[in-house]
PDB file of N, CA and C in Angstrom:
ATOM      1  N   UNK A   1      70.762 -22.940-110.392  1.00  0.00           N
ATOM      2  CA  UNK A   1      71.401 -23.887-109.517  1.00  0.00           C
ATOM      3  C   UNK A   1      71.196 -23.425-108.081  1.00  0.00           C
ATOM      4  N   UNK A   2      71.004 -24.381-107.180  1.00  0.00           N
ATOM      5  CA  UNK A   2      70.822 -24.054-105.774  1.00  0.00           C
ATOM      6  C   UNK A   2      71.868 -24.790-104.941  1.00  0.00           C
ATOM      7  N   UNK A   3      72.494 -24.043-104.035  1.00  0.00           N
ATOM      8  CA  UNK A   3      73.461 -24.607-103.096  1.00  0.00           C
ATOM      9  C   UNK A   3      72.935 -24.384-101.695  1.00  0.00           C
ATOM     10  N   UNK A   4      72.898 -25.462-100.909  1.00  0.00           N
ATOM     11  CA  UNK A   4      72.517 -25.339 -99.512  1.00  0.00           C
ATOM     12  C   UNK A   4      73.784 -25.380 -98.670  1.00  0.00           C
ATOM     13  N   UNK A   5      73.783 -24.604 -97.609  1.00  0.00           N
ATOM     14  CA  UNK A   5      74.934 -24.532 -96.713  1.00  0.00           C
ATOM     15  C   UNK A   5      74.538 -25.128 -95.381  1.00  0.00           C
ATOM     16  N   UNK A   6      75.268 -26.164 -94.981  1.00  0.00           N
ATOM     17  CA  UNK A   6      75.064 -26.812 -93.686  1.00  0.00           C
ATOM     18  C   UNK A   6      76.358 -26.734 -92.904  1.00  0.00           C
ATOM     19  N   UNK A   7      76.677 -27.804 -92.185  1.00  0.00           N
ATOM     20  CA  UNK A   7      77.905 -27.814 -91.396  1.00  0.00           C
ATOM     21  C   UNK A   7      77.736 -27.133 -90.058  1.00  0.00           C
ATOM     22  N   UNK A   8      78.813 -27.064 -89.320  1.00  0.00           N
ATOM     23  CA  UNK A   8      78.748 -26.570 -87.946  1.00  0.00           C
ATOM     24  C   UNK A   8      79.322 -25.181 -87.735  1.00  0.00           C
ATOM     25  N   UNK A   9      80.127 -24.687 -88.665  1.00  0.00           N
ATOM     26  CA  UNK A   9      80.741 -23.363 -88.452  1.00  0.00           C
ATOM     27  C   UNK A   9      80.709 -22.530 -89.733  1.00  0.00           C
ATOM     28  N   UNK A  10      80.724 -21.247 -89.556  1.00  0.00           N
ATOM     29  CA  UNK A  10      80.902 -20.270 -90.637  1.00  0.00           C
ATOM     30  C   UNK A  10      79.894 -20.363 -91.777  1.00  0.00           C
ATOM     31  N   UNK A  11      78.666 -20.742 -91.473  1.00  0.00           N
ATOM     32  CA  UNK A  11      77.651 -20.850 -92.525  1.00  0.00           C
ATOM     33  C   UNK A  11      77.445 -19.520 -93.253  1.00  0.00           C
ATOM     34  N   UNK A  12      77.388 -18.422 -92.498  1.00  0.00           N
ATOM     35  CA  UNK A  12      77.191 -17.097 -93.113  1.00  0.00           C
ATOM     36  C   UNK A  12      78.357 -16.741 -94.035  1.00  0.00           C
ATOM     37  N   UNK A  13      79.581 -17.057 -93.600  1.00  0.00           N
ATOM     38  CA  UNK A  13      80.756 -16.756 -94.417  1.00  0.00           C
ATOM     39  C   UNK A  13      80.766 -17.582 -95.703  1.00  0.00           C
ATOM     40  N   UNK A  14      80.360 -18.834 -95.600  1.00  0.00           N
ATOM     41  CA  UNK A  14      80.304 -19.694 -96.786  1.00  0.00           C
ATOM     42  C   UNK A  14      79.282 -19.140 -97.775  1.00  0.00           C
ATOM     43  N   UNK A  15      78.089 -18.826 -97.284  1.00  0.00           N
ATOM     44  CA  UNK A  15      77.040 -18.289 -98.154  1.00  0.00           C
ATOM     45  C   UNK A  15      77.482 -16.982 -98.804  1.00  0.00           C
ATOM     46  N   UNK A  16      78.118 -16.134 -98.034  1.00  0.00           N
ATOM     47  CA  UNK A  16      78.598 -14.850 -98.566  1.00  0.00           C
ATOM     48  C   UNK A  16      79.639 -15.079 -99.659  1.00  0.00           C
ATOM     49  N   UNK A  17      80.555 -16.005 -99.441  1.00  0.00           N
ATOM     50  CA  UNK A  17      81.597 -16.291-100.430  1.00  0.00           C
ATOM     51  C   UNK A  17      80.983 -16.864-101.711  1.00  0.00           C
ATOM     52  N   UNK A  18      79.993 -17.730-101.575  1.00  0.00           N
ATOM     53  CA  UNK A  18      79.315 -18.294-102.752  1.00  0.00           C
ATOM     54  C   UNK A  18      78.695 -17.168-103.575  1.00  0.00           C
ATOM     55  N   UNK A  19      77.958 -16.268-102.919  1.00  0.00           N
ATOM     56  CA  UNK A  19      77.309 -15.159-103.623  1.00  0.00           C
ATOM     57  C   UNK A  19      78.339 -14.216-104.235  1.00  0.00           C
ATOM     58  N   UNK A  20      79.436 -14.000-103.538  1.00  0.00           N
ATOM     59  CA  UNK A  20      80.507 -13.127-104.022  1.00  0.00           C
ATOM     60  C   UNK A  20      81.090 -13.679-105.334  1.00  0.00           C
ATOM     61  N   UNK A  21      81.261 -14.976-105.399  1.00  0.00           N
ATOM     62  CA  UNK A  21      81.855 -15.598-106.586  1.00  0.00           C
ATOM     63  C   UNK A  21      80.827 -15.831-107.685  1.00  0.00           C
ATOM     64  N   UNK A  22      79.689 -16.389-107.336  1.00  0.00           N
ATOM     65  CA  UNK A  22      78.732 -16.840-108.347  1.00  0.00           C
ATOM     66  C   UNK A  22      77.617 -15.844-108.638  1.00  0.00           C
ATOM     67  N   UNK A  23      77.413 -14.899-107.758  1.00  0.00           N
ATOM     68  CA  UNK A  23      76.378 -13.895-107.986  1.00  0.00           C
ATOM     69  C   UNK A  23      75.010 -14.501-108.250  1.00  0.00           C
ATOM     70  N   UNK A  24      74.389 -14.069-109.317  1.00  0.00           N
ATOM     71  CA  UNK A  24      73.041 -14.523-109.657  1.00  0.00           C
ATOM     72  C   UNK A  24      73.001 -15.898-110.317  1.00  0.00           C
ATOM     73  N   UNK A  25      74.159 -16.504-110.526  1.00  0.00           N
ATOM     74  CA  UNK A  25      74.189 -17.830-111.138  1.00  0.00           C
ATOM     75  C   UNK A  25      73.689 -18.915-110.181  1.00  0.00           C
ATOM     76  N   UNK A  26      73.686 -18.595-108.887  1.00  0.00           N
ATOM     77  CA  UNK A  26      73.247 -19.582-107.906  1.00  0.00           C
ATOM     78  C   UNK A  26      72.306 -18.970-106.881  1.00  0.00           C
ATOM     79  N   UNK A  27      71.458 -19.827-106.351  1.00  0.00           N
ATOM     80  CA  UNK A  27      70.630 -19.485-105.192  1.00  0.00           C
ATOM     81  C   UNK A  27      71.301 -20.164-104.013  1.00  0.00           C
ATOM     82  N   UNK A  28      71.430 -19.476-102.906  1.00  0.00           N
ATOM     83  CA  UNK A  28      72.088 -20.025-101.721  1.00  0.00           C
ATOM     84  C   UNK A  28      71.121 -19.968-100.551  1.00  0.00           C
ATOM     85  N   UNK A  29      71.061 -21.055 -99.793  1.00  0.00           N
ATOM     86  CA  UNK A  29      70.230 -21.058 -98.598  1.00  0.00           C
ATOM     87  C   UNK A  29      70.973 -21.756 -97.465  1.00  0.00           C
ATOM     88  N   UNK A  30      70.983 -21.115 -96.314  1.00  0.00           N
ATOM     89  CA  UNK A  30      71.585 -21.688 -95.114  1.00  0.00           C
ATOM     90  C   UNK A  30      70.515 -22.499 -94.394  1.00  0.00           C
ATOM     91  N   UNK A  31      70.885 -23.738 -94.018  1.00  0.00           N
ATOM     92  CA  UNK A  31      69.941 -24.638 -93.343  1.00  0.00           C
ATOM     93  C   UNK A  31      70.661 -25.432 -92.263  1.00  0.00           C
ATOM     94  N   UNK A  32      69.876 -26.058 -91.387  1.00  0.00           N
ATOM     95  CA  UNK A  32      70.503 -27.018 -90.485  1.00  0.00           C
ATOM     96  C   UNK A  32      70.878 -28.235 -91.322  1.00  0.00           C
ATOM     97  N   UNK A  33      71.782 -29.046 -90.809  1.00  0.00           N
ATOM     98  CA  UNK A  33      72.354 -30.155 -91.586  1.00  0.00           C
ATOM     99  C   UNK A  33      71.320 -31.153 -92.101  1.00  0.00           C
ATOM    100  N   UNK A  34      70.368 -31.509 -91.255  1.00  0.00           N
ATOM    101  CA  UNK A  34      69.368 -32.504 -91.653  1.00  0.00           C
ATOM    102  C   UNK A  34      68.512 -31.960 -92.793  1.00  0.00           C
ATOM    103  N   UNK A  35      68.046 -30.731 -92.659  1.00  0.00           N
ATOM    104  CA  UNK A  35      67.213 -30.133 -93.705  1.00  0.00           C
ATOM    105  C   UNK A  35      68.021 -29.971 -94.998  1.00  0.00           C
ATOM    106  N   UNK A  36      69.263 -29.551 -94.880  1.00  0.00           N
ATOM    107  CA  UNK A  36      70.101 -29.359 -96.071  1.00  0.00           C
ATOM    108  C   UNK A  36      70.304 -30.675 -96.817  1.00  0.00           C
ATOM    109  N   UNK A  37      70.635 -31.728 -96.092  1.00  0.00           N
ATOM    110  CA  UNK A  37      70.849 -33.035 -96.728  1.00  0.00           C
ATOM    111  C   UNK A  37      69.555 -33.562 -97.346  1.00  0.00           C
ATOM    112  N   UNK A  38      68.449 -33.392 -96.651  1.00  0.00           N
ATOM    113  CA  UNK A  38      67.163 -33.833 -97.201  1.00  0.00           C
ATOM    114  C   UNK A  38      66.759 -33.027 -98.429  1.00  0.00           C
ATOM    115  N   UNK A  39      67.107 -31.761 -98.455  1.00  0.00           N
ATOM    116  CA  UNK A  39      66.814 -30.920 -99.617  1.00  0.00           C
ATOM    117  C   UNK A  39      67.563 -31.446-100.844  1.00  0.00           C
ATOM    118  N   UNK A  40      68.794 -31.869-100.644  1.00  0.00           N
ATOM    119  CA  UNK A  40      69.567 -32.491-101.739  1.00  0.00           C
ATOM    120  C   UNK A  40      68.906 -33.805-102.152  1.00  0.00           C
ATOM    121  N   UNK A  41      68.582 -34.636-101.173  1.00  0.00           N
ATOM    122  CA  UNK A  41      67.992 -35.952-101.459  1.00  0.00           C
ATOM    123  C   UNK A  41      66.682 -35.826-102.241  1.00  0.00           C
ATOM    124  N   UNK A  42      65.901 -34.808-101.926  1.00  0.00           N
ATOM    125  CA  UNK A  42      64.613 -34.593-102.591  1.00  0.00           C
ATOM    126  C   UNK A  42      64.758 -33.916-103.961  1.00  0.00           C
ATOM    127  N   UNK A  43      65.984 -33.577-104.334  1.00  0.00           N
ATOM    128  CA  UNK A  43      66.213 -32.938-105.629  1.00  0.00           C
ATOM    129  C   UNK A  43      65.854 -31.465-105.664  1.00  0.00           C
ATOM    130  N   UNK A  44      65.719 -30.849-104.492  1.00  0.00           N
ATOM    131  CA  UNK A  44      65.348 -29.433-104.422  1.00  0.00           C
ATOM    132  C   UNK A  44      66.562 -28.507-104.362  1.00  0.00           C
ATOM    133  N   UNK A  45      67.759 -29.095-104.322  1.00  0.00           N
ATOM    134  CA  UNK A  45      69.010 -28.335-104.373  1.00  0.00           C
ATOM    135  C   UNK A  45      70.039 -29.210-105.072  1.00  0.00           C
ATOM    136  N   UNK A  46      71.057 -28.562-105.596  1.00  0.00           N
ATOM    137  CA  UNK A  46      72.066 -29.266-106.379  1.00  0.00           C
ATOM    138  C   UNK A  46      73.307 -29.658-105.586  1.00  0.00           C
ATOM    139  N   UNK A  47      73.744 -28.772-104.679  1.00  0.00           N
ATOM    140  CA  UNK A  47      74.975 -29.024-103.926  1.00  0.00           C
ATOM    141  C   UNK A  47      74.824 -28.605-102.473  1.00  0.00           C
ATOM    142  N   UNK A  48      75.601 -29.292-101.625  1.00  0.00           N
ATOM    143  CA  UNK A  48      75.675 -29.019-100.185  1.00  0.00           C
ATOM    144  C   UNK A  48      77.117 -28.656 -99.879  1.00  0.00           C
ATOM    145  N   UNK A  49      77.331 -27.526 -99.222  1.00  0.00           N
ATOM    146  CA  UNK A  49      78.652 -27.128 -98.742  1.00  0.00           C
ATOM    147  C   UNK A  49      78.560 -27.025 -97.231  1.00  0.00           C
ATOM    148  N   UNK A  50      79.558 -27.564 -96.524  1.00  0.00           N
ATOM    149  CA  UNK A  50      79.577 -27.462 -95.068  1.00  0.00           C
ATOM    150  C   UNK A  50      80.990 -27.400 -94.533  1.00  0.00           C
ATOM    151  N   UNK A  51      81.154 -26.706 -93.430  1.00  0.00           N
ATOM    152  CA  UNK A  51      82.473 -26.590 -92.806  1.00  0.00           C
ATOM    153  C   UNK A  51      82.400 -26.972 -91.329  1.00  0.00           C
ATOM    154  N   UNK A  52      83.526 -27.459 -90.848  1.00  0.00           N
ATOM    155  CA  UNK A  52      83.715 -27.713 -89.422  1.00  0.00           C
ATOM    156  C   UNK A  52      85.220 -27.627 -89.166  1.00  0.00           C
ATOM    157  N   UNK A  53      85.655 -28.083 -88.027  1.00  0.00           N
ATOM    158  CA  UNK A  53      87.076 -27.970 -87.706  1.00  0.00           C
ATOM    159  C   UNK A  53      87.894 -29.159 -88.197  1.00  0.00           C
ATOM    160  N   UNK A  54      87.236 -30.237 -88.644  1.00  0.00           N
ATOM    161  CA  UNK A  54      87.960 -31.405 -89.155  1.00  0.00           C
ATOM    162  C   UNK A  54      87.730 -31.636 -90.641  1.00  0.00           C
ATOM    163  N   UNK A  55      86.696 -31.025 -91.199  1.00  0.00           N
ATOM    164  CA  UNK A  55      86.391 -31.183 -92.612  1.00  0.00           C
ATOM    165  C   UNK A  55      85.407 -32.296 -92.925  1.00  0.00           C
ATOM    166  N   UNK A  56      85.150 -33.169 -91.969  1.00  0.00           N
ATOM    167  CA  UNK A  56      84.262 -34.293 -92.242  1.00  0.00           C
ATOM    168  C   UNK A  56      83.150 -34.446 -91.225  1.00  0.00           C
ATOM    169  N   UNK A  57      83.483 -34.526 -89.958  1.00  0.00           N
ATOM    170  CA  UNK A  57      82.500 -34.796 -88.911  1.00  0.00           C
ATOM    171  C   UNK A  57      81.320 -33.849 -88.900  1.00  0.00           C
ATOM    172  N   UNK A  58      81.513 -32.673 -88.370  1.00  0.00           N
ATOM    173  CA  UNK A  58      80.435 -31.699 -88.267  1.00  0.00           C
ATOM    174  C   UNK A  58      80.027 -31.110 -89.605  1.00  0.00           C
ATOM    175  N   UNK A  59      80.911 -31.171 -90.572  1.00  0.00           N
ATOM    176  CA  UNK A  59      80.602 -30.629 -91.896  1.00  0.00           C
ATOM    177  C   UNK A  59      79.697 -31.557 -92.688  1.00  0.00           C
ATOM    178  N   UNK A  60      79.936 -32.865 -92.559  1.00  0.00           N
ATOM    179  CA  UNK A  60      79.252 -33.832 -93.424  1.00  0.00           C
ATOM    180  C   UNK A  60      78.531 -34.960 -92.702  1.00  0.00           C
ATOM    181  N   UNK A  61      78.549 -34.994 -91.392  1.00  0.00           N
ATOM    182  CA  UNK A  61      77.964 -36.116 -90.657  1.00  0.00           C
ATOM    183  C   UNK A  61      76.547 -36.470 -91.076  1.00  0.00           C
ATOM    184  N   UNK A  62      75.654 -35.509 -91.060  1.00  0.00           N
ATOM    185  CA  UNK A  62      74.264 -35.783 -91.425  1.00  0.00           C
ATOM    186  C   UNK A  62      74.111 -36.025 -92.920  1.00  0.00           C
ATOM    187  N   UNK A  63      74.889 -35.341 -93.723  1.00  0.00           N
ATOM    188  CA  UNK A  63      74.836 -35.573 -95.171  1.00  0.00           C
ATOM    189  C   UNK A  63      75.236 -37.008 -95.483  1.00  0.00           C
ATOM    190  N   UNK A  64      76.260 -37.513 -94.795  1.00  0.00           N
ATOM    191  CA  UNK A  64      76.694 -38.908 -95.003  1.00  0.00           C
ATOM    192  C   UNK A  64      75.574 -39.868 -94.602  1.00  0.00           C
ATOM    193  N   UNK A  65      74.931 -39.582 -93.488  1.00  0.00           N
ATOM    194  CA  UNK A  65      73.870 -40.466 -93.002  1.00  0.00           C
ATOM    195  C   UNK A  65      72.663 -40.463 -93.946  1.00  0.00           C
ATOM    196  N   UNK A  66      72.326 -39.325 -94.496  1.00  0.00           N
ATOM    197  CA  UNK A  66      71.131 -39.196 -95.332  1.00  0.00           C
ATOM    198  C   UNK A  66      71.410 -39.501 -96.804  1.00  0.00           C
ATOM    199  N   UNK A  67      72.556 -39.060 -97.309  1.00  0.00           N
ATOM    200  CA  UNK A  67      72.858 -39.213 -98.734  1.00  0.00           C
ATOM    201  C   UNK A  67      73.757 -40.404 -99.056  1.00  0.00           C
ATOM    202  N   UNK A  68      74.488 -40.889 -98.091  1.00  0.00           N
ATOM    203  CA  UNK A  68      75.484 -41.965 -98.177  1.00  0.00           C
ATOM    204  C   UNK A  68      76.841 -41.414 -98.613  1.00  0.00           C
ATOM    205  N   UNK A  69      77.856 -42.164 -98.322  1.00  0.00           N
ATOM    206  CA  UNK A  69      79.215 -41.729 -98.634  1.00  0.00           C
ATOM    207  C   UNK A  69      79.465 -41.622-100.136  1.00  0.00           C
ATOM    208  N   UNK A  70      78.634 -42.250-100.940  1.00  0.00           N
ATOM    209  CA  UNK A  70      78.820 -42.167-102.394  1.00  0.00           C
ATOM    210  C   UNK A  70      78.505 -40.786-102.951  1.00  0.00           C
ATOM    211  N   UNK A  71      77.833 -39.962-102.157  1.00  0.00           N
ATOM    212  CA  UNK A  71      77.464 -38.616-102.599  1.00  0.00           C
ATOM    213  C   UNK A  71      78.226 -37.512-101.868  1.00  0.00           C
ATOM    214  N   UNK A  72      79.107 -37.899-100.922  1.00  0.00           N
ATOM    215  CA  UNK A  72      79.785 -36.927-100.070  1.00  0.00           C
ATOM    216  C   UNK A  72      81.304 -37.007-100.204  1.00  0.00           C
ATOM    217  N   UNK A  73      81.961 -35.865-100.042  1.00  0.00           N
ATOM    218  CA  UNK A  73      83.420 -35.832-100.098  1.00  0.00           C
ATOM    219  C   UNK A  73      83.972 -34.787 -99.142  1.00  0.00           C
ATOM    220  N   UNK A  74      84.996 -35.174 -98.409  1.00  0.00           N
ATOM    221  CA  UNK A  74      85.754 -34.224 -97.599  1.00  0.00           C
ATOM    222  C   UNK A  74      86.868 -33.712 -98.499  1.00  0.00           C
ATOM    223  N   UNK A  75      86.889 -32.410 -98.745  1.00  0.00           N
ATOM    224  CA  UNK A  75      87.896 -31.877 -99.668  1.00  0.00           C
ATOM    225  C   UNK A  75      89.033 -31.146 -98.970  1.00  0.00           C
ATOM    226  N   UNK A  76      88.944 -30.989 -97.653  1.00  0.00           N
ATOM    227  CA  UNK A  76      90.086 -30.468 -96.901  1.00  0.00           C
ATOM    228  C   UNK A  76      89.979 -30.933 -95.459  1.00  0.00           C
ATOM    229  N   UNK A  77      91.137 -31.048 -94.843  1.00  0.00           N
ATOM    230  CA  UNK A  77      91.241 -31.449 -93.437  1.00  0.00           C
ATOM    231  C   UNK A  77      92.332 -30.594 -92.810  1.00  0.00           C
ATOM    232  N   UNK A  78      92.465 -30.607 -91.489  1.00  0.00           N
ATOM    233  CA  UNK A  78      93.536 -29.818 -90.880  1.00  0.00           C
ATOM    234  C   UNK A  78      94.892 -30.152 -91.525  1.00  0.00           C
ATOM    235  N   UNK A  79      95.602 -29.123 -91.921  1.00  0.00           N
ATOM    236  CA  UNK A  79      96.922 -29.228 -92.561  1.00  0.00           C
ATOM    237  C   UNK A  79      96.878 -29.873 -93.945  1.00  0.00           C
ATOM    238  N   UNK A  80      95.678 -30.093 -94.498  1.00  0.00           N
ATOM    239  CA  UNK A  80      95.533 -30.638 -95.856  1.00  0.00           C
ATOM    240  C   UNK A  80      94.550 -29.767 -96.631  1.00  0.00           C
ATOM    241  N   UNK A  81      95.047 -28.694 -97.238  1.00  0.00           N
ATOM    242  CA  UNK A  81      94.147 -27.794 -97.963  1.00  0.00           C
ATOM    243  C   UNK A  81      93.536 -28.467 -99.190  1.00  0.00           C
ATOM    244  N   UNK A  82      92.454 -27.904 -99.694  1.00  0.00           N
ATOM    245  CA  UNK A  82      91.803 -28.487-100.860  1.00  0.00           C
ATOM    246  C   UNK A  82      92.704 -28.436-102.095  1.00  0.00           C
ATOM    247  N   UNK A  83      92.584 -29.479-102.914  1.00  0.00           N
ATOM    248  CA  UNK A  83      93.341 -29.542-104.164  1.00  0.00           C
ATOM    249  C   UNK A  83      92.354 -29.652-105.316  1.00  0.00           C
ATOM    250  N   UNK A  84      92.597 -28.856-106.332  1.00  0.00           N
ATOM    251  CA  UNK A  84      91.675 -28.811-107.459  1.00  0.00           C
ATOM    252  C   UNK A  84      91.494 -30.175-108.113  1.00  0.00           C
ATOM    253  N   UNK A  85      92.571 -30.947-108.243  1.00  0.00           N
ATOM    254  CA  UNK A  85      92.468 -32.264-108.875  1.00  0.00           C
ATOM    255  C   UNK A  85      91.491 -33.163-108.128  1.00  0.00           C
ATOM    256  N   UNK A  86      91.544 -33.129-106.797  1.00  0.00           N
ATOM    257  CA  UNK A  86      90.638 -33.958-105.995  1.00  0.00           C
ATOM    258  C   UNK A  86      89.192 -33.493-106.153  1.00  0.00           C
ATOM    259  N   UNK A  87      88.992 -32.199-106.192  1.00  0.00           N
ATOM    260  CA  UNK A  87      87.638 -31.659-106.363  1.00  0.00           C
ATOM    261  C   UNK A  87      87.067 -32.088-107.711  1.00  0.00           C
ATOM    262  N   UNK A  88      87.859 -31.975-108.755  1.00  0.00           N
ATOM    263  CA  UNK A  88      87.407 -32.392-110.085  1.00  0.00           C
ATOM    264  C   UNK A  88      87.059 -33.880-110.070  1.00  0.00           C
ATOM    265  N   UNK A  89      87.920 -34.671-109.458  1.00  0.00           N
ATOM    266  CA  UNK A  89      87.697 -36.121-109.358  1.00  0.00           C
ATOM    267  C   UNK A  89      86.388 -36.432-108.623  1.00  0.00           C
ATOM    268  N   UNK A  90      86.140 -35.742-107.530  1.00  0.00           N
ATOM    269  CA  UNK A  90      84.929 -35.978-106.742  1.00  0.00           C
ATOM    270  C   UNK A  90      83.674 -35.530-107.497  1.00  0.00           C
ATOM    271  N   UNK A  91      83.748 -34.409-108.195  1.00  0.00           N
ATOM    272  CA  UNK A  91      82.609 -33.957-108.998  1.00  0.00           C
ATOM    273  C   UNK A  91      82.318 -34.950-110.125  1.00  0.00           C
ATOM    274  N   UNK A  92      83.357 -35.422-110.777  1.00  0.00           N
ATOM    275  CA  UNK A  92      83.179 -36.400-111.862  1.00  0.00           C
ATOM    276  C   UNK A  92      82.607 -37.720-111.344  1.00  0.00           C
ATOM    277  N   UNK A  93      82.869 -38.015-110.073  1.00  0.00           N
ATOM    278  CA  UNK A  93      82.349 -39.235-109.453  1.00  0.00           C
ATOM    279  C   UNK A  93      80.902 -39.067-108.987  1.00  0.00           C
ATOM    280  N   UNK A  94      80.336 -37.876-109.173  1.00  0.00           N
ATOM    281  CA  UNK A  94      78.940 -37.644-108.819  1.00  0.00           C
ATOM    282  C   UNK A  94      78.704 -37.153-107.407  1.00  0.00           C
ATOM    283  N   UNK A  95      79.746 -36.697-106.727  1.00  0.00           N
ATOM    284  CA  UNK A  95      79.579 -36.177-105.372  1.00  0.00           C
ATOM    285  C   UNK A  95      78.850 -34.839-105.422  1.00  0.00           C
ATOM    286  N   UNK A  96      77.968 -34.620-104.456  1.00  0.00           N
ATOM    287  CA  UNK A  96      77.186 -33.383-104.404  1.00  0.00           C
ATOM    288  C   UNK A  96      77.266 -32.677-103.049  1.00  0.00           C
ATOM    289  N   UNK A  97      77.824 -33.353-102.052  1.00  0.00           N
ATOM    290  CA  UNK A  97      77.959 -32.764-100.716  1.00  0.00           C
ATOM    291  C   UNK A  97      79.442 -32.686-100.375  1.00  0.00           C
ATOM    292  N   UNK A  98      79.888 -31.492-100.008  1.00  0.00           N
ATOM    293  CA  UNK A  98      81.307 -31.260 -99.789  1.00  0.00           C
ATOM    294  C   UNK A  98      81.566 -30.654 -98.420  1.00  0.00           C
ATOM    295  N   UNK A  99      82.519 -31.246 -97.710  1.00  0.00           N
ATOM    296  CA  UNK A  99      82.919 -30.744 -96.407  1.00  0.00           C
ATOM    297  C   UNK A  99      84.356 -30.270 -96.441  1.00  0.00           C
ATOM    298  N   UNK A 100      84.634 -29.255 -95.655  1.00  0.00           N
ATOM    299  CA  UNK A 100      85.983 -28.698 -95.598  1.00  0.00           C
ATOM    300  C   UNK A 100      86.176 -28.017 -94.256  1.00  0.00           C
ATOM    301  N   UNK A 101      87.430 -27.732 -93.930  1.00  0.00           N
ATOM    302  CA  UNK A 101      87.699 -27.050 -92.670  1.00  0.00           C
ATOM    303  C   UNK A 101      87.445 -25.551 -92.845  1.00  0.00           C
ATOM    304  N   UNK A 102      87.038 -24.935 -91.764  1.00  0.00           N
ATOM    305  CA  UNK A 102      86.693 -23.516 -91.841  1.00  0.00           C
ATOM    306  C   UNK A 102      87.893 -22.653 -92.223  1.00  0.00           C
ATOM    307  N   UNK A 103      89.108 -23.069 -91.860  1.00  0.00           N
ATOM    308  CA  UNK A 103      90.271 -22.263 -92.223  1.00  0.00           C
ATOM    309  C   UNK A 103      90.604 -22.358 -93.711  1.00  0.00           C
ATOM    310  N   UNK A 104      90.015 -23.310 -94.416  1.00  0.00           N
ATOM    311  CA  UNK A 104      90.205 -23.434 -95.867  1.00  0.00           C
ATOM    312  C   UNK A 104      88.989 -22.947 -96.654  1.00  0.00           C
ATOM    313  N   UNK A 105      88.081 -22.276 -95.986  1.00  0.00           N
ATOM    314  CA  UNK A 105      86.819 -21.846 -96.588  1.00  0.00           C
ATOM    315  C   UNK A 105      87.013 -21.109 -97.912  1.00  0.00           C
ATOM    316  N   UNK A 106      87.852 -20.108 -97.934  1.00  0.00           N
ATOM    317  CA  UNK A 106      88.040 -19.293 -99.146  1.00  0.00           C
ATOM    318  C   UNK A 106      88.461 -20.158-100.335  1.00  0.00           C
ATOM    319  N   UNK A 107      89.497 -20.949-100.148  1.00  0.00           N
ATOM    320  CA  UNK A 107      90.026 -21.767-101.243  1.00  0.00           C
ATOM    321  C   UNK A 107      89.043 -22.868-101.627  1.00  0.00           C
ATOM    322  N   UNK A 108      88.434 -23.504-100.640  1.00  0.00           N
ATOM    323  CA  UNK A 108      87.509 -24.602-100.914  1.00  0.00           C
ATOM    324  C   UNK A 108      86.313 -24.124-101.735  1.00  0.00           C
ATOM    325  N   UNK A 109      85.677 -23.057-101.307  1.00  0.00           N
ATOM    326  CA  UNK A 109      84.502 -22.543-102.010  1.00  0.00           C
ATOM    327  C   UNK A 109      84.889 -22.051-103.404  1.00  0.00           C
ATOM    328  N   UNK A 110      86.009 -21.378-103.511  1.00  0.00           N
ATOM    329  CA  UNK A 110      86.479 -20.877-104.806  1.00  0.00           C
ATOM    330  C   UNK A 110      86.716 -22.017-105.784  1.00  0.00           C
ATOM    331  N   UNK A 111      87.436 -23.050-105.358  1.00  0.00           N
ATOM    332  CA  UNK A 111      87.713 -24.188-106.249  1.00  0.00           C
ATOM    333  C   UNK A 111      86.459 -24.974-106.583  1.00  0.00           C
ATOM    334  N   UNK A 112      85.587 -25.177-105.605  1.00  0.00           N
ATOM    335  CA  UNK A 112      84.340 -25.879-105.876  1.00  0.00           C
ATOM    336  C   UNK A 112      83.522 -25.152-106.938  1.00  0.00           C
ATOM    337  N   UNK A 113      83.308 -23.863-106.731  1.00  0.00           N
ATOM    338  CA  UNK A 113      82.481 -23.114-107.674  1.00  0.00           C
ATOM    339  C   UNK A 113      83.125 -22.998-109.045  1.00  0.00           C
ATOM    340  N   UNK A 114      84.424 -22.817-109.087  1.00  0.00           N
ATOM    341  CA  UNK A 114      85.127 -22.754-110.379  1.00  0.00           C
ATOM    342  C   UNK A 114      84.816 -24.001-111.199  1.00  0.00           C
ATOM    343  N   UNK A 115      84.857 -25.151-110.540  1.00  0.00           N
ATOM    344  CA  UNK A 115      84.663 -26.409-111.256  1.00  0.00           C
ATOM    345  C   UNK A 115      83.200 -26.784-111.446  1.00  0.00           C
ATOM    346  N   UNK A 116      82.344 -26.341-110.578  1.00  0.00           N
ATOM    347  CA  UNK A 116      80.907 -26.594-110.756  1.00  0.00           C
ATOM    348  C   UNK A 116      80.346 -25.722-111.863  1.00  0.00           C
ATOM    349  N   UNK A 117      80.746 -24.467-111.925  1.00  0.00           N
ATOM    350  CA  UNK A 117      80.193 -23.528-112.884  1.00  0.00           C
ATOM    351  C   UNK A 117      80.765 -23.706-114.295  1.00  0.00           C
ATOM    352  N   UNK A 118      81.872 -24.408-114.414  1.00  0.00           N
ATOM    353  CA  UNK A 118      82.471 -24.614-115.748  1.00  0.00           C
ATOM    354  C   UNK A 118      81.938 -25.817-116.456  1.00  0.00           C
TER     355      UNK A 118
END
């Protein structure tokens, strides 16, 4: 499985957290947003993770434009931490690009990977 990391902030921290949790189960690559979204669209990666300060704009803006809103989900926003039920719902709906706020990075990445890897 391959996860690309886009978004506007904390790309290195996101990639590090993914590797810390998933180890050799995933390949992780940090990219600019356009390349990351296109990599998903071309089928060369499975998931896109991105962070910004709002959870949607800078985290998912280009992914929304390239992949459409049917493939993208904001899983946390300021004062609204990620919830496992919502993540499961979004994965079951076929979402592959996920945005979250940088202050929720630990919980967001942990919950995403828990549910993707199971």
